[in-house]
Amino acid sequence: RLFLIIWCWCLVICSCNENKKVLLQANMVN
């Protein structure tokens, strides 16, 4: 159960980082 909780949190963090990366890329493009 602990493993599943940690795995889910990792997915959330990775998703947030990916969205942030996309947003940063957008802000660098005219």
mmCIF file of all heavy atoms, coordinates in Angstrom:
data_MODEL
# 
_entry.id   MODEL 
# 
loop_
_atom_site.group_PDB 
_atom_site.id 
_atom_site.type_symbol 
_atom_site.label_atom_id 
_atom_site.label_alt_id 
_atom_site.label_comp_id 
_atom_site.label_asym_id 
_atom_site.label_entity_id 
_atom_site.label_seq_id 
_atom_site.pdbx_PDB_ins_code 
_atom_site.Cartn_x 
_atom_site.Cartn_y 
_atom_site.Cartn_z 
_atom_site.occupancy 
_atom_site.B_iso_or_equiv 
_atom_site.pdbx_formal_charge 
_atom_site.auth_seq_id 
_atom_site.auth_comp_id 
_atom_site.auth_asym_id 
_atom_site.auth_atom_id 
_atom_site.pdbx_PDB_model_num 
ATOM 1   N N   . ARG A 1 1  ? 0.830  -1.213 0.000   1.00 0.00 ? 1  ARG A N   1 
ATOM 2   C CA  . ARG A 1 1  ? 0.000  0.000  0.000   1.00 0.00 ? 1  ARG A CA  1 
ATOM 3   C C   . ARG A 1 1  ? 0.859  1.255  0.000   1.00 0.00 ? 1  ARG A C   1 
ATOM 4   O O   . ARG A 1 1  ? 0.573  2.223  -0.705  1.00 0.00 ? 1  ARG A O   1 
ATOM 5   C CB  . ARG A 1 1  ? -0.931 -0.031 1.209   1.00 0.00 ? 1  ARG A CB  1 
ATOM 6   C CG  . ARG A 1 1  ? -1.897 1.131  1.243   1.00 0.00 ? 1  ARG A CG  1 
ATOM 7   C CD  . ARG A 1 1  ? -2.808 1.012  2.423   1.00 0.00 ? 1  ARG A CD  1 
ATOM 8   N NE  . ARG A 1 1  ? -3.726 2.129  2.480   1.00 0.00 ? 1  ARG A NE  1 
ATOM 9   C CZ  . ARG A 1 1  ? -4.599 2.334  3.459   1.00 0.00 ? 1  ARG A CZ  1 
ATOM 10  N NH1 . ARG A 1 1  ? -4.684 1.462  4.474   1.00 0.00 ? 1  ARG A NH1 1 
ATOM 11  N NH2 . ARG A 1 1  ? -5.408 3.376  3.425   1.00 0.00 ? 1  ARG A NH2 1 
ATOM 12  N N   . LEU A 1 2  ? 1.926  1.199  0.824   1.00 0.00 ? 2  LEU A N   1 
ATOM 13  C CA  . LEU A 1 2  ? 2.834  2.357  0.891   1.00 0.00 ? 2  LEU A CA  1 
ATOM 14  C C   . LEU A 1 2  ? 3.492  2.598  -0.464  1.00 0.00 ? 2  LEU A C   1 
ATOM 15  O O   . LEU A 1 2  ? 3.630  3.738  -0.918  1.00 0.00 ? 2  LEU A O   1 
ATOM 16  C CB  . LEU A 1 2  ? 3.906  2.111  1.961   1.00 0.00 ? 2  LEU A CB  1 
ATOM 17  C CG  . LEU A 1 2  ? 4.960  3.216  2.122   1.00 0.00 ? 2  LEU A CG  1 
ATOM 18  C CD1 . LEU A 1 2  ? 4.282  4.522  2.521   1.00 0.00 ? 2  LEU A CD1 1 
ATOM 19  C CD2 . LEU A 1 2  ? 5.997  2.814  3.166   1.00 0.00 ? 2  LEU A CD2 1 
ATOM 20  N N   . PHE A 1 3  ? 3.845  1.510  -1.139  1.00 0.00 ? 3  PHE A N   1 
ATOM 21  C CA  . PHE A 1 3  ? 4.460  1.628  -2.464  1.00 0.00 ? 3  PHE A CA  1 
ATOM 22  C C   . PHE A 1 3  ? 3.512  2.301  -3.463  1.00 0.00 ? 3  PHE A C   1 
ATOM 23  O O   . PHE A 1 3  ? 3.911  3.162  -4.240  1.00 0.00 ? 3  PHE A O   1 
ATOM 24  C CB  . PHE A 1 3  ? 4.855  0.240  -2.967  1.00 0.00 ? 3  PHE A CB  1 
ATOM 25  C CG  . PHE A 1 3  ? 5.325  0.230  -4.393  1.00 0.00 ? 3  PHE A CG  1 
ATOM 26  C CD1 . PHE A 1 3  ? 6.601  0.677  -4.732  1.00 0.00 ? 3  PHE A CD1 1 
ATOM 27  C CD2 . PHE A 1 3  ? 4.467  -0.190 -5.417  1.00 0.00 ? 3  PHE A CD2 1 
ATOM 28  C CE1 . PHE A 1 3  ? 7.013  0.672  -6.044  1.00 0.00 ? 3  PHE A CE1 1 
ATOM 29  C CE2 . PHE A 1 3  ? 4.883  -0.172 -6.725  1.00 0.00 ? 3  PHE A CE2 1 
ATOM 30  C CZ  . PHE A 1 3  ? 6.168  0.254  -7.048  1.00 0.00 ? 3  PHE A CZ  1 
ATOM 31  N N   . LEU A 1 4  ? 2.227  1.906  -3.446  1.00 0.00 ? 4  LEU A N   1 
ATOM 32  C CA  . LEU A 1 4  ? 1.247  2.481  -4.352  1.00 0.00 ? 4  LEU A CA  1 
ATOM 33  C C   . LEU A 1 4  ? 1.044  3.974  -4.104  1.00 0.00 ? 4  LEU A C   1 
ATOM 34  O O   . LEU A 1 4  ? 0.910  4.777  -5.031  1.00 0.00 ? 4  LEU A O   1 
ATOM 35  C CB  . LEU A 1 4  ? -0.099 1.750  -4.217  1.00 0.00 ? 4  LEU A CB  1 
ATOM 36  C CG  . LEU A 1 4  ? -0.137 0.326  -4.791  1.00 0.00 ? 4  LEU A CG  1 
ATOM 37  C CD1 . LEU A 1 4  ? -1.462 -0.333 -4.430  1.00 0.00 ? 4  LEU A CD1 1 
ATOM 38  C CD2 . LEU A 1 4  ? 0.050  0.357  -6.300  1.00 0.00 ? 4  LEU A CD2 1 
ATOM 39  N N   . ILE A 1 5  ? 1.050  4.373  -2.815  1.00 0.00 ? 5  ILE A N   1 
ATOM 40  C CA  . ILE A 1 5  ? 0.885  5.789  -2.463  1.00 0.00 ? 5  ILE A CA  1 
ATOM 41  C C   . ILE A 1 5  ? 2.055  6.614  -3.005  1.00 0.00 ? 5  ILE A C   1 
ATOM 42  O O   . ILE A 1 5  ? 1.888  7.677  -3.604  1.00 0.00 ? 5  ILE A O   1 
ATOM 43  C CB  . ILE A 1 5  ? 0.760  5.963  -0.942  1.00 0.00 ? 5  ILE A CB  1 
ATOM 44  C CG1 . ILE A 1 5  ? -0.574 5.340  -0.476  1.00 0.00 ? 5  ILE A CG1 1 
ATOM 45  C CG2 . ILE A 1 5  ? 0.822  7.435  -0.551  1.00 0.00 ? 5  ILE A CG2 1 
ATOM 46  C CD1 . ILE A 1 5  ? -0.716 5.297  1.032   1.00 0.00 ? 5  ILE A CD1 1 
ATOM 47  N N   . ILE A 1 6  ? 3.281  6.076  -2.785  1.00 0.00 ? 6  ILE A N   1 
ATOM 48  C CA  . ILE A 1 6  ? 4.484  6.788  -3.257  1.00 0.00 ? 6  ILE A CA  1 
ATOM 49  C C   . ILE A 1 6  ? 4.480  6.892  -4.782  1.00 0.00 ? 6  ILE A C   1 
ATOM 50  O O   . ILE A 1 6  ? 4.797  7.922  -5.372  1.00 0.00 ? 6  ILE A O   1 
ATOM 51  C CB  . ILE A 1 6  ? 5.759  6.062  -2.767  1.00 0.00 ? 6  ILE A CB  1 
ATOM 52  C CG1 . ILE A 1 6  ? 5.853  6.150  -1.232  1.00 0.00 ? 6  ILE A CG1 1 
ATOM 53  C CG2 . ILE A 1 6  ? 7.005  6.663  -3.418  1.00 0.00 ? 6  ILE A CG2 1 
ATOM 54  C CD1 . ILE A 1 6  ? 6.968  5.313  -0.645  1.00 0.00 ? 6  ILE A CD1 1 
ATOM 55  N N   . TRP A 1 7  ? 4.072  5.787  -5.434  1.00 0.00 ? 7  TRP A N   1 
ATOM 56  C CA  . TRP A 1 7  ? 4.024  5.766  -6.908  1.00 0.00 ? 7  TRP A CA  1 
ATOM 57  C C   . TRP A 1 7  ? 3.037  6.797  -7.455  1.00 0.00 ? 7  TRP A C   1 
ATOM 58  O O   . TRP A 1 7  ? 3.316  7.507  -8.412  1.00 0.00 ? 7  TRP A O   1 
ATOM 59  C CB  . TRP A 1 7  ? 3.638  4.364  -7.350  1.00 0.00 ? 7  TRP A CB  1 
ATOM 60  C CG  . TRP A 1 7  ? 3.615  4.203  -8.846  1.00 0.00 ? 7  TRP A CG  1 
ATOM 61  C CD1 . TRP A 1 7  ? 4.678  4.190  -9.697  1.00 0.00 ? 7  TRP A CD1 1 
ATOM 62  C CD2 . TRP A 1 7  ? 2.445  4.007  -9.650  1.00 0.00 ? 7  TRP A CD2 1 
ATOM 63  N NE1 . TRP A 1 7  ? 4.262  4.011  -10.989 1.00 0.00 ? 7  TRP A NE1 1 
ATOM 64  C CE2 . TRP A 1 7  ? 2.894  3.897  -10.996 1.00 0.00 ? 7  TRP A CE2 1 
ATOM 65  C CE3 . TRP A 1 7  ? 1.083  3.903  -9.384  1.00 0.00 ? 7  TRP A CE3 1 
ATOM 66  C CZ2 . TRP A 1 7  ? 2.013  3.697  -12.050 1.00 0.00 ? 7  TRP A CZ2 1 
ATOM 67  C CZ3 . TRP A 1 7  ? 0.213  3.699  -10.435 1.00 0.00 ? 7  TRP A CZ3 1 
ATOM 68  C CH2 . TRP A 1 7  ? 0.671  3.609  -11.749 1.00 0.00 ? 7  TRP A CH2 1 
ATOM 69  N N   . CYS A 1 8  ? 1.880  6.901  -6.815  1.00 0.00 ? 8  CYS A N   1 
ATOM 70  C CA  . CYS A 1 8  ? 0.880  7.893  -7.230  1.00 0.00 ? 8  CYS A CA  1 
ATOM 71  C C   . CYS A 1 8  ? 1.399  9.312  -7.071  1.00 0.00 ? 8  CYS A C   1 
ATOM 72  O O   . CYS A 1 8  ? 1.193  10.170 -7.932  1.00 0.00 ? 8  CYS A O   1 
ATOM 73  C CB  . CYS A 1 8  ? -0.407 7.707  -6.425  1.00 0.00 ? 8  CYS A CB  1 
ATOM 74  S SG  . CYS A 1 8  ? -1.317 6.209  -6.877  1.00 0.00 ? 8  CYS A SG  1 
ATOM 75  N N   . TRP A 1 9  ? 2.061  9.582  -5.962  1.00 0.00 ? 9  TRP A N   1 
ATOM 76  C CA  . TRP A 1 9  ? 2.620  10.926 -5.741  1.00 0.00 ? 9  TRP A CA  1 
ATOM 77  C C   . TRP A 1 9  ? 3.680  11.261 -6.798  1.00 0.00 ? 9  TRP A C   1 
ATOM 78  O O   . TRP A 1 9  ? 3.765  12.384 -7.288  1.00 0.00 ? 9  TRP A O   1 
ATOM 79  C CB  . TRP A 1 9  ? 3.222  11.029 -4.343  1.00 0.00 ? 9  TRP A CB  1 
ATOM 80  C CG  . TRP A 1 9  ? 2.226  11.456 -3.327  1.00 0.00 ? 9  TRP A CG  1 
ATOM 81  C CD1 . TRP A 1 9  ? 1.646  10.697 -2.355  1.00 0.00 ? 9  TRP A CD1 1 
ATOM 82  C CD2 . TRP A 1 9  ? 1.680  12.769 -3.185  1.00 0.00 ? 9  TRP A CD2 1 
ATOM 83  N NE1 . TRP A 1 9  ? 0.759  11.433 -1.613  1.00 0.00 ? 9  TRP A NE1 1 
ATOM 84  C CE2 . TRP A 1 9  ? 0.762  12.733 -2.102  1.00 0.00 ? 9  TRP A CE2 1 
ATOM 85  C CE3 . TRP A 1 9  ? 1.854  13.975 -3.864  1.00 0.00 ? 9  TRP A CE3 1 
ATOM 86  C CZ2 . TRP A 1 9  ? 0.034  13.836 -1.687  1.00 0.00 ? 9  TRP A CZ2 1 
ATOM 87  C CZ3 . TRP A 1 9  ? 1.154  15.075 -3.449  1.00 0.00 ? 9  TRP A CZ3 1 
ATOM 88  C CH2 . TRP A 1 9  ? 0.246  15.007 -2.378  1.00 0.00 ? 9  TRP A CH2 1 
ATOM 89  N N   . CYS A 1 10 ? 4.465  10.271 -7.172  1.00 0.00 ? 10 CYS A N   1 
ATOM 90  C CA  . CYS A 1 10 ? 5.485  10.484 -8.204  1.00 0.00 ? 10 CYS A CA  1 
ATOM 91  C C   . CYS A 1 10 ? 4.844  10.864 -9.545  1.00 0.00 ? 10 CYS A C   1 
ATOM 92  O O   . CYS A 1 10 ? 5.321  11.738 -10.255 1.00 0.00 ? 10 CYS A O   1 
ATOM 93  C CB  . CYS A 1 10 ? 6.331  9.226  -8.384  1.00 0.00 ? 10 CYS A CB  1 
ATOM 94  S SG  . CYS A 1 10 ? 7.485  8.932  -7.019  1.00 0.00 ? 10 CYS A SG  1 
ATOM 95  N N   . LEU A 1 11 ? 3.722  10.170 -9.862  1.00 0.00 ? 11 LEU A N   1 
ATOM 96  C CA  . LEU A 1 11 ? 3.016  10.493 -11.097 1.00 0.00 ? 11 LEU A CA  1 
ATOM 97  C C   . LEU A 1 11 ? 2.492  11.920 -11.083 1.00 0.00 ? 11 LEU A C   1 
ATOM 98  O O   . LEU A 1 11 ? 2.564  12.646 -12.079 1.00 0.00 ? 11 LEU A O   1 
ATOM 99  C CB  . LEU A 1 11 ? 1.853  9.521  -11.316 1.00 0.00 ? 11 LEU A CB  1 
ATOM 100 C CG  . LEU A 1 11 ? 2.217  8.097  -11.752 1.00 0.00 ? 11 LEU A CG  1 
ATOM 101 C CD1 . LEU A 1 11 ? 0.948  7.247  -11.864 1.00 0.00 ? 11 LEU A CD1 1 
ATOM 102 C CD2 . LEU A 1 11 ? 2.958  8.118  -13.080 1.00 0.00 ? 11 LEU A CD2 1 
ATOM 103 N N   . VAL A 1 12 ? 1.949  12.347 -9.945  1.00 0.00 ? 12 VAL A N   1 
ATOM 104 C CA  . VAL A 1 12 ? 1.427  13.713 -9.815  1.00 0.00 ? 12 VAL A CA  1 
ATOM 105 C C   . VAL A 1 12 ? 2.539  14.733 -9.992  1.00 0.00 ? 12 VAL A C   1 
ATOM 106 O O   . VAL A 1 12 ? 2.410  15.726 -10.712 1.00 0.00 ? 12 VAL A O   1 
ATOM 107 C CB  . VAL A 1 12 ? 0.726  13.905 -8.454  1.00 0.00 ? 12 VAL A CB  1 
ATOM 108 C CG1 . VAL A 1 12 ? 0.381  15.372 -8.233  1.00 0.00 ? 12 VAL A CG1 1 
ATOM 109 C CG2 . VAL A 1 12 ? -0.529 13.044 -8.386  1.00 0.00 ? 12 VAL A CG2 1 
ATOM 110 N N   . ILE A 1 13 ? 3.676  14.471 -9.304  1.00 0.00 ? 13 ILE A N   1 
ATOM 111 C CA  . ILE A 1 13 ? 4.806  15.415 -9.377  1.00 0.00 ? 13 ILE A CA  1 
ATOM 112 C C   . ILE A 1 13 ? 5.350  15.488 -10.803 1.00 0.00 ? 13 ILE A C   1 
ATOM 113 O O   . ILE A 1 13 ? 5.614  16.560 -11.342 1.00 0.00 ? 13 ILE A O   1 
ATOM 114 C CB  . ILE A 1 13 ? 5.918  14.995 -8.394  1.00 0.00 ? 13 ILE A CB  1 
ATOM 115 C CG1 . ILE A 1 13 ? 5.426  15.185 -6.947  1.00 0.00 ? 13 ILE A CG1 1 
ATOM 116 C CG2 . ILE A 1 13 ? 7.185  15.801 -8.649  1.00 0.00 ? 13 ILE A CG2 1 
ATOM 117 C CD1 . ILE A 1 13 ? 6.349  14.566 -5.920  1.00 0.00 ? 13 ILE A CD1 1 
ATOM 118 N N   . CYS A 1 14 ? 5.477  14.314 -11.445 1.00 0.00 ? 14 CYS A N   1 
ATOM 119 C CA  . CYS A 1 14 ? 5.990  14.298 -12.833 1.00 0.00 ? 14 CYS A CA  1 
ATOM 120 C C   . CYS A 1 14 ? 5.046  15.039 -13.765 1.00 0.00 ? 14 CYS A C   1 
ATOM 121 O O   . CYS A 1 14 ? 5.472  15.770 -14.659 1.00 0.00 ? 14 CYS A O   1 
ATOM 122 C CB  . CYS A 1 14 ? 6.165  12.865 -13.303 1.00 0.00 ? 14 CYS A CB  1 
ATOM 123 S SG  . CYS A 1 14 ? 7.567  12.020 -12.531 1.00 0.00 ? 14 CYS A SG  1 
ATOM 124 N N   . SER A 1 15 ? 3.746  14.833 -13.565 1.00 0.00 ? 15 SER A N   1 
ATOM 125 C CA  . SER A 1 15 ? 2.752  15.512 -14.393 1.00 0.00 ? 15 SER A CA  1 
ATOM 126 C C   . SER A 1 15 ? 2.838  17.015 -14.229 1.00 0.00 ? 15 SER A C   1 
ATOM 127 O O   . SER A 1 15 ? 2.784  17.773 -15.203 1.00 0.00 ? 15 SER A O   1 
ATOM 128 C CB  . SER A 1 15 ? 1.352  15.014 -14.034 1.00 0.00 ? 15 SER A CB  1 
ATOM 129 O OG  . SER A 1 15 ? 0.381  15.695 -14.781 1.00 0.00 ? 15 SER A OG  1 
ATOM 130 N N   . CYS A 1 16 ? 2.980  17.474 -12.996 1.00 0.00 ? 16 CYS A N   1 
ATOM 131 C CA  . CYS A 1 16 ? 3.106  18.921 -12.736 1.00 0.00 ? 16 CYS A CA  1 
ATOM 132 C C   . CYS A 1 16 ? 4.351  19.485 -13.390 1.00 0.00 ? 16 CYS A C   1 
ATOM 133 O O   . CYS A 1 16 ? 4.330  20.561 -13.994 1.00 0.00 ? 16 CYS A O   1 
ATOM 134 C CB  . CYS A 1 16 ? 3.143  19.179 -11.231 1.00 0.00 ? 16 CYS A CB  1 
ATOM 135 S SG  . CYS A 1 16 ? 1.560  18.881 -10.419 1.00 0.00 ? 16 CYS A SG  1 
ATOM 136 N N   . ASN A 1 17 ? 5.463  18.736 -13.273 1.00 0.00 ? 17 ASN A N   1 
ATOM 137 C CA  . ASN A 1 17 ? 6.716  19.204 -13.869 1.00 0.00 ? 17 ASN A CA  1 
ATOM 138 C C   . ASN A 1 17 ? 6.605  19.273 -15.387 1.00 0.00 ? 17 ASN A C   1 
ATOM 139 O O   . ASN A 1 17 ? 7.108  20.181 -16.028 1.00 0.00 ? 17 ASN A O   1 
ATOM 140 C CB  . ASN A 1 17 ? 7.871  18.274 -13.481 1.00 0.00 ? 17 ASN A CB  1 
ATOM 141 C CG  . ASN A 1 17 ? 8.304  18.466 -12.029 1.00 0.00 ? 17 ASN A CG  1 
ATOM 142 O OD1 . ASN A 1 17 ? 8.048  19.523 -11.456 1.00 0.00 ? 17 ASN A OD1 1 
ATOM 143 N ND2 . ASN A 1 17 ? 8.932  17.450 -11.456 1.00 0.00 ? 17 ASN A ND2 1 
ATOM 144 N N   . GLU A 1 18 ? 5.902  18.284 -15.980 1.00 0.00 ? 18 GLU A N   1 
ATOM 145 C CA  . GLU A 1 18 ? 5.736  18.265 -17.429 1.00 0.00 ? 18 GLU A CA  1 
ATOM 146 C C   . GLU A 1 18 ? 4.889  19.439 -17.885 1.00 0.00 ? 18 GLU A C   1 
ATOM 147 O O   . GLU A 1 18 ? 5.207  20.105 -18.877 1.00 0.00 ? 18 GLU A O   1 
ATOM 148 C CB  . GLU A 1 18 ? 5.076  16.959 -17.854 1.00 0.00 ? 18 GLU A CB  1 
ATOM 149 C CG  . GLU A 1 18 ? 5.045  16.756 -19.358 1.00 0.00 ? 18 GLU A CG  1 
ATOM 150 C CD  . GLU A 1 18 ? 6.422  16.648 -19.968 1.00 0.00 ? 18 GLU A CD  1 
ATOM 151 O OE1 . GLU A 1 18 ? 7.370  16.229 -19.277 1.00 0.00 ? 18 GLU A OE1 1 
ATOM 152 O OE2 . GLU A 1 18 ? 6.566  17.028 -21.149 1.00 0.00 ? 18 GLU A OE2 1 
ATOM 153 N N   . ASN A 1 19 ? 3.800  19.720 -17.144 1.00 0.00 ? 19 ASN A N   1 
ATOM 154 C CA  . ASN A 1 19 ? 2.948  20.867 -17.482 1.00 0.00 ? 19 ASN A CA  1 
ATOM 155 C C   . ASN A 1 19 ? 3.715  22.160 -17.353 1.00 0.00 ? 19 ASN A C   1 
ATOM 156 O O   . ASN A 1 19 ? 3.571  23.076 -18.164 1.00 0.00 ? 19 ASN A O   1 
ATOM 157 C CB  . ASN A 1 19 ? 1.716  20.903 -16.575 1.00 0.00 ? 19 ASN A CB  1 
ATOM 158 C CG  . ASN A 1 19 ? 0.737  19.786 -16.907 1.00 0.00 ? 19 ASN A CG  1 
ATOM 159 O OD1 . ASN A 1 19 ? 0.744  19.265 -18.010 1.00 0.00 ? 19 ASN A OD1 1 
ATOM 160 N ND2 . ASN A 1 19 ? -0.085 19.405 -15.936 1.00 0.00 ? 19 ASN A ND2 1 
ATOM 161 N N   . LYS A 1 20 ? 4.535  22.250 -16.307 1.00 0.00 ? 20 LYS A N   1 
ATOM 162 C CA  . LYS A 1 20 ? 5.343  23.453 -16.096 1.00 0.00 ? 20 LYS A CA  1 
ATOM 163 C C   . LYS A 1 20 ? 6.325  23.638 -17.235 1.00 0.00 ? 20 LYS A C   1 
ATOM 164 O O   . LYS A 1 20 ? 6.543  24.730 -17.739 1.00 0.00 ? 20 LYS A O   1 
ATOM 165 C CB  . LYS A 1 20 ? 6.091  23.341 -14.759 1.00 0.00 ? 20 LYS A CB  1 
ATOM 166 C CG  . LYS A 1 20 ? 6.863  24.603 -14.394 1.00 0.00 ? 20 LYS A CG  1 
ATOM 167 C CD  . LYS A 1 20 ? 7.497  24.451 -13.023 1.00 0.00 ? 20 LYS A CD  1 
ATOM 168 C CE  . LYS A 1 20 ? 8.266  25.726 -12.638 1.00 0.00 ? 20 LYS A CE  1 
ATOM 169 N NZ  . LYS A 1 20 ? 8.908  25.575 -11.310 1.00 0.00 ? 20 LYS A NZ  1 
ATOM 170 N N   . LYS A 1 21 ? 6.919  22.486 -17.680 1.00 0.00 ? 21 LYS A N   1 
ATOM 171 C CA  . LYS A 1 21 ? 7.865  22.543 -18.790 1.00 0.00 ? 21 LYS A CA  1 
ATOM 172 C C   . LYS A 1 21 ? 7.198  23.039 -20.061 1.00 0.00 ? 21 LYS A C   1 
ATOM 173 O O   . LYS A 1 21 ? 7.723  23.889 -20.775 1.00 0.00 ? 21 LYS A O   1 
ATOM 174 C CB  . LYS A 1 21 ? 8.456  21.154 -19.010 1.00 0.00 ? 21 LYS A CB  1 
ATOM 175 C CG  . LYS A 1 21 ? 9.512  21.094 -20.118 1.00 0.00 ? 21 LYS A CG  1 
ATOM 176 C CD  . LYS A 1 21 ? 10.053 19.694 -20.250 1.00 0.00 ? 21 LYS A CD  1 
ATOM 177 C CE  . LYS A 1 21 ? 11.085 19.626 -21.375 1.00 0.00 ? 21 LYS A CE  1 
ATOM 178 N NZ  . LYS A 1 21 ? 11.593 18.241 -21.552 1.00 0.00 ? 21 LYS A NZ  1 
ATOM 179 N N   . VAL A 1 22 ? 5.978  22.521 -20.354 1.00 0.00 ? 22 VAL A N   1 
ATOM 180 C CA  . VAL A 1 22 ? 5.241  22.957 -21.537 1.00 0.00 ? 22 VAL A CA  1 
ATOM 181 C C   . VAL A 1 22 ? 4.924  24.436 -21.468 1.00 0.00 ? 22 VAL A C   1 
ATOM 182 O O   . VAL A 1 22 ? 5.048  25.173 -22.436 1.00 0.00 ? 22 VAL A O   1 
ATOM 183 C CB  . VAL A 1 22 ? 3.946  22.125 -21.696 1.00 0.00 ? 22 VAL A CB  1 
ATOM 184 C CG1 . VAL A 1 22 ? 3.074  22.713 -22.794 1.00 0.00 ? 22 VAL A CG1 1 
ATOM 185 C CG2 . VAL A 1 22 ? 4.288  20.670 -22.014 1.00 0.00 ? 22 VAL A CG2 1 
ATOM 186 N N   . LEU A 1 23 ? 4.505  24.895 -20.268 1.00 0.00 ? 23 LEU A N   1 
ATOM 187 C CA  . LEU A 1 23 ? 4.168  26.299 -20.098 1.00 0.00 ? 23 LEU A CA  1 
ATOM 188 C C   . LEU A 1 23 ? 5.385  27.182 -20.285 1.00 0.00 ? 23 LEU A C   1 
ATOM 189 O O   . LEU A 1 23 ? 5.329  28.225 -20.938 1.00 0.00 ? 23 LEU A O   1 
ATOM 190 C CB  . LEU A 1 23 ? 3.558  26.513 -18.704 1.00 0.00 ? 23 LEU A CB  1 
ATOM 191 C CG  . LEU A 1 23 ? 3.069  27.933 -18.393 1.00 0.00 ? 23 LEU A CG  1 
ATOM 192 C CD1 . LEU A 1 23 ? 1.989  28.329 -19.395 1.00 0.00 ? 23 LEU A CD1 1 
ATOM 193 C CD2 . LEU A 1 23 ? 2.519  28.018 -16.981 1.00 0.00 ? 23 LEU A CD2 1 
ATOM 194 N N   . LEU A 1 24 ? 6.534  26.738 -19.737 1.00 0.00 ? 24 LEU A N   1 
ATOM 195 C CA  . LEU A 1 24 ? 7.757  27.516 -19.899 1.00 0.00 ? 24 LEU A CA  1 
ATOM 196 C C   . LEU A 1 24 ? 8.144  27.598 -21.375 1.00 0.00 ? 24 LEU A C   1 
ATOM 197 O O   . LEU A 1 24 ? 8.561  28.636 -21.864 1.00 0.00 ? 24 LEU A O   1 
ATOM 198 C CB  . LEU A 1 24 ? 8.889  26.881 -19.090 1.00 0.00 ? 24 LEU A CB  1 
ATOM 199 C CG  . LEU A 1 24 ? 8.827  27.085 -17.566 1.00 0.00 ? 24 LEU A CG  1 
ATOM 200 C CD1 . LEU A 1 24 ? 9.908  26.256 -16.889 1.00 0.00 ? 24 LEU A CD1 1 
ATOM 201 C CD2 . LEU A 1 24 ? 8.973  28.550 -17.199 1.00 0.00 ? 24 LEU A CD2 1 
ATOM 202 N N   . GLN A 1 25 ? 7.966  26.478 -22.098 1.00 0.00 ? 25 GLN A N   1 
ATOM 203 C CA  . GLN A 1 25 ? 8.289  26.491 -23.522 1.00 0.00 ? 25 GLN A CA  1 
ATOM 204 C C   . GLN A 1 25 ? 7.371  27.458 -24.271 1.00 0.00 ? 25 GLN A C   1 
ATOM 205 O O   . GLN A 1 25 ? 7.809  28.191 -25.146 1.00 0.00 ? 25 GLN A O   1 
ATOM 206 C CB  . GLN A 1 25 ? 8.163  25.081 -24.088 1.00 0.00 ? 25 GLN A CB  1 
ATOM 207 C CG  . GLN A 1 25 ? 9.274  24.151 -23.652 1.00 0.00 ? 25 GLN A CG  1 
ATOM 208 C CD  . GLN A 1 25 ? 9.074  22.737 -24.154 1.00 0.00 ? 25 GLN A CD  1 
ATOM 209 O OE1 . GLN A 1 25 ? 7.969  22.353 -24.520 1.00 0.00 ? 25 GLN A OE1 1 
ATOM 210 N NE2 . GLN A 1 25 ? 10.142 21.953 -24.170 1.00 0.00 ? 25 GLN A NE2 1 
ATOM 211 N N   . ALA A 1 26 ? 6.100  27.464 -23.900 1.00 0.00 ? 26 ALA A N   1 
ATOM 212 C CA  . ALA A 1 26 ? 5.155  28.374 -24.548 1.00 0.00 ? 26 ALA A CA  1 
ATOM 213 C C   . ALA A 1 26 ? 5.540  29.825 -24.317 1.00 0.00 ? 26 ALA A C   1 
ATOM 214 O O   . ALA A 1 26 ? 5.488  30.653 -25.217 1.00 0.00 ? 26 ALA A O   1 
ATOM 215 C CB  . ALA A 1 26 ? 3.751  28.112 -24.030 1.00 0.00 ? 26 ALA A CB  1 
ATOM 216 N N   . ASN A 1 27 ? 5.959  30.138 -23.087 1.00 0.00 ? 27 ASN A N   1 
ATOM 217 C CA  . ASN A 1 27 ? 6.321  31.519 -22.758 1.00 0.00 ? 27 ASN A CA  1 
ATOM 218 C C   . ASN A 1 27 ? 7.603  31.971 -23.447 1.00 0.00 ? 27 ASN A C   1 
ATOM 219 O O   . ASN A 1 27 ? 7.945  33.152 -23.397 1.00 0.00 ? 27 ASN A O   1 
ATOM 220 C CB  . ASN A 1 27 ? 6.472  31.675 -21.237 1.00 0.00 ? 27 ASN A CB  1 
ATOM 221 C CG  . ASN A 1 27 ? 5.131  31.777 -20.537 1.00 0.00 ? 27 ASN A CG  1 
ATOM 222 O OD1 . ASN A 1 27 ? 4.189  32.313 -21.104 1.00 0.00 ? 27 ASN A OD1 1 
ATOM 223 N ND2 . ASN A 1 27 ? 5.036  31.240 -19.340 1.00 0.00 ? 27 ASN A ND2 1 
ATOM 224 N N   . MET A 1 28 ? 8.305  31.039 -24.057 1.00 0.00 ? 28 MET A N   1 
ATOM 225 C CA  . MET A 1 28 ? 9.535  31.392 -24.759 1.00 0.00 ? 28 MET A CA  1 
ATOM 226 C C   . MET A 1 28 ? 9.301  31.549 -26.262 1.00 0.00 ? 28 MET A C   1 
ATOM 227 O O   . MET A 1 28 ? 10.211 31.876 -27.003 1.00 0.00 ? 28 MET A O   1 
ATOM 228 C CB  . MET A 1 28 ? 10.597 30.314 -24.512 1.00 0.00 ? 28 MET A CB  1 
ATOM 229 C CG  . MET A 1 28 ? 11.066 30.228 -23.062 1.00 0.00 ? 28 MET A CG  1 
ATOM 230 S SD  . MET A 1 28 ? 12.170 28.834 -22.785 1.00 0.00 ? 28 MET A SD  1 
ATOM 231 C CE  . MET A 1 28 ? 13.581 29.310 -23.778 1.00 0.00 ? 28 MET A CE  1 
ATOM 232 N N   . VAL A 1 29 ? 8.068  31.312 -26.712 1.00 0.00 ? 29 VAL A N   1 
ATOM 233 C CA  . VAL A 1 29 ? 7.758  31.334 -28.145 1.00 0.00 ? 29 VAL A CA  1 
ATOM 234 C C   . VAL A 1 29 ? 6.798  32.473 -28.458 1.00 0.00 ? 29 VAL A C   1 
ATOM 235 O O   . VAL A 1 29 ? 5.824  32.692 -27.734 1.00 0.00 ? 29 VAL A O   1 
ATOM 236 C CB  . VAL A 1 29 ? 7.129  29.989 -28.581 1.00 0.00 ? 29 VAL A CB  1 
ATOM 237 C CG1 . VAL A 1 29 ? 6.750  30.032 -30.055 1.00 0.00 ? 29 VAL A CG1 1 
ATOM 238 C CG2 . VAL A 1 29 ? 8.088  28.841 -28.307 1.00 0.00 ? 29 VAL A CG2 1 
ATOM 239 N N   . ASN A 1 30 ? 7.089  33.191 -29.547 1.00 0.00 ? 30 ASN A N   1 
ATOM 240 C CA  . ASN A 1 30 ? 6.194  34.274 -29.969 1.00 0.00 ? 30 ASN A CA  1 
ATOM 241 C C   . ASN A 1 30 ? 4.931  33.728 -30.612 1.00 0.00 ? 30 ASN A C   1 
ATOM 242 O O   . ASN A 1 30 ? 4.964  32.719 -31.317 1.00 0.00 ? 30 ASN A O   1 
ATOM 243 C CB  . ASN A 1 30 ? 6.891  35.185 -30.984 1.00 0.00 ? 30 ASN A CB  1 
ATOM 244 C CG  . ASN A 1 30 ? 7.974  36.025 -30.372 1.00 0.00 ? 30 ASN A CG  1 
ATOM 245 O OD1 . ASN A 1 30 ? 9.106  35.577 -30.254 1.00 0.00 ? 30 ASN A OD1 1 
ATOM 246 N ND2 . ASN A 1 30 ? 7.650  37.236 -29.993 1.00 0.00 ? 30 ASN A ND2 1 
# 
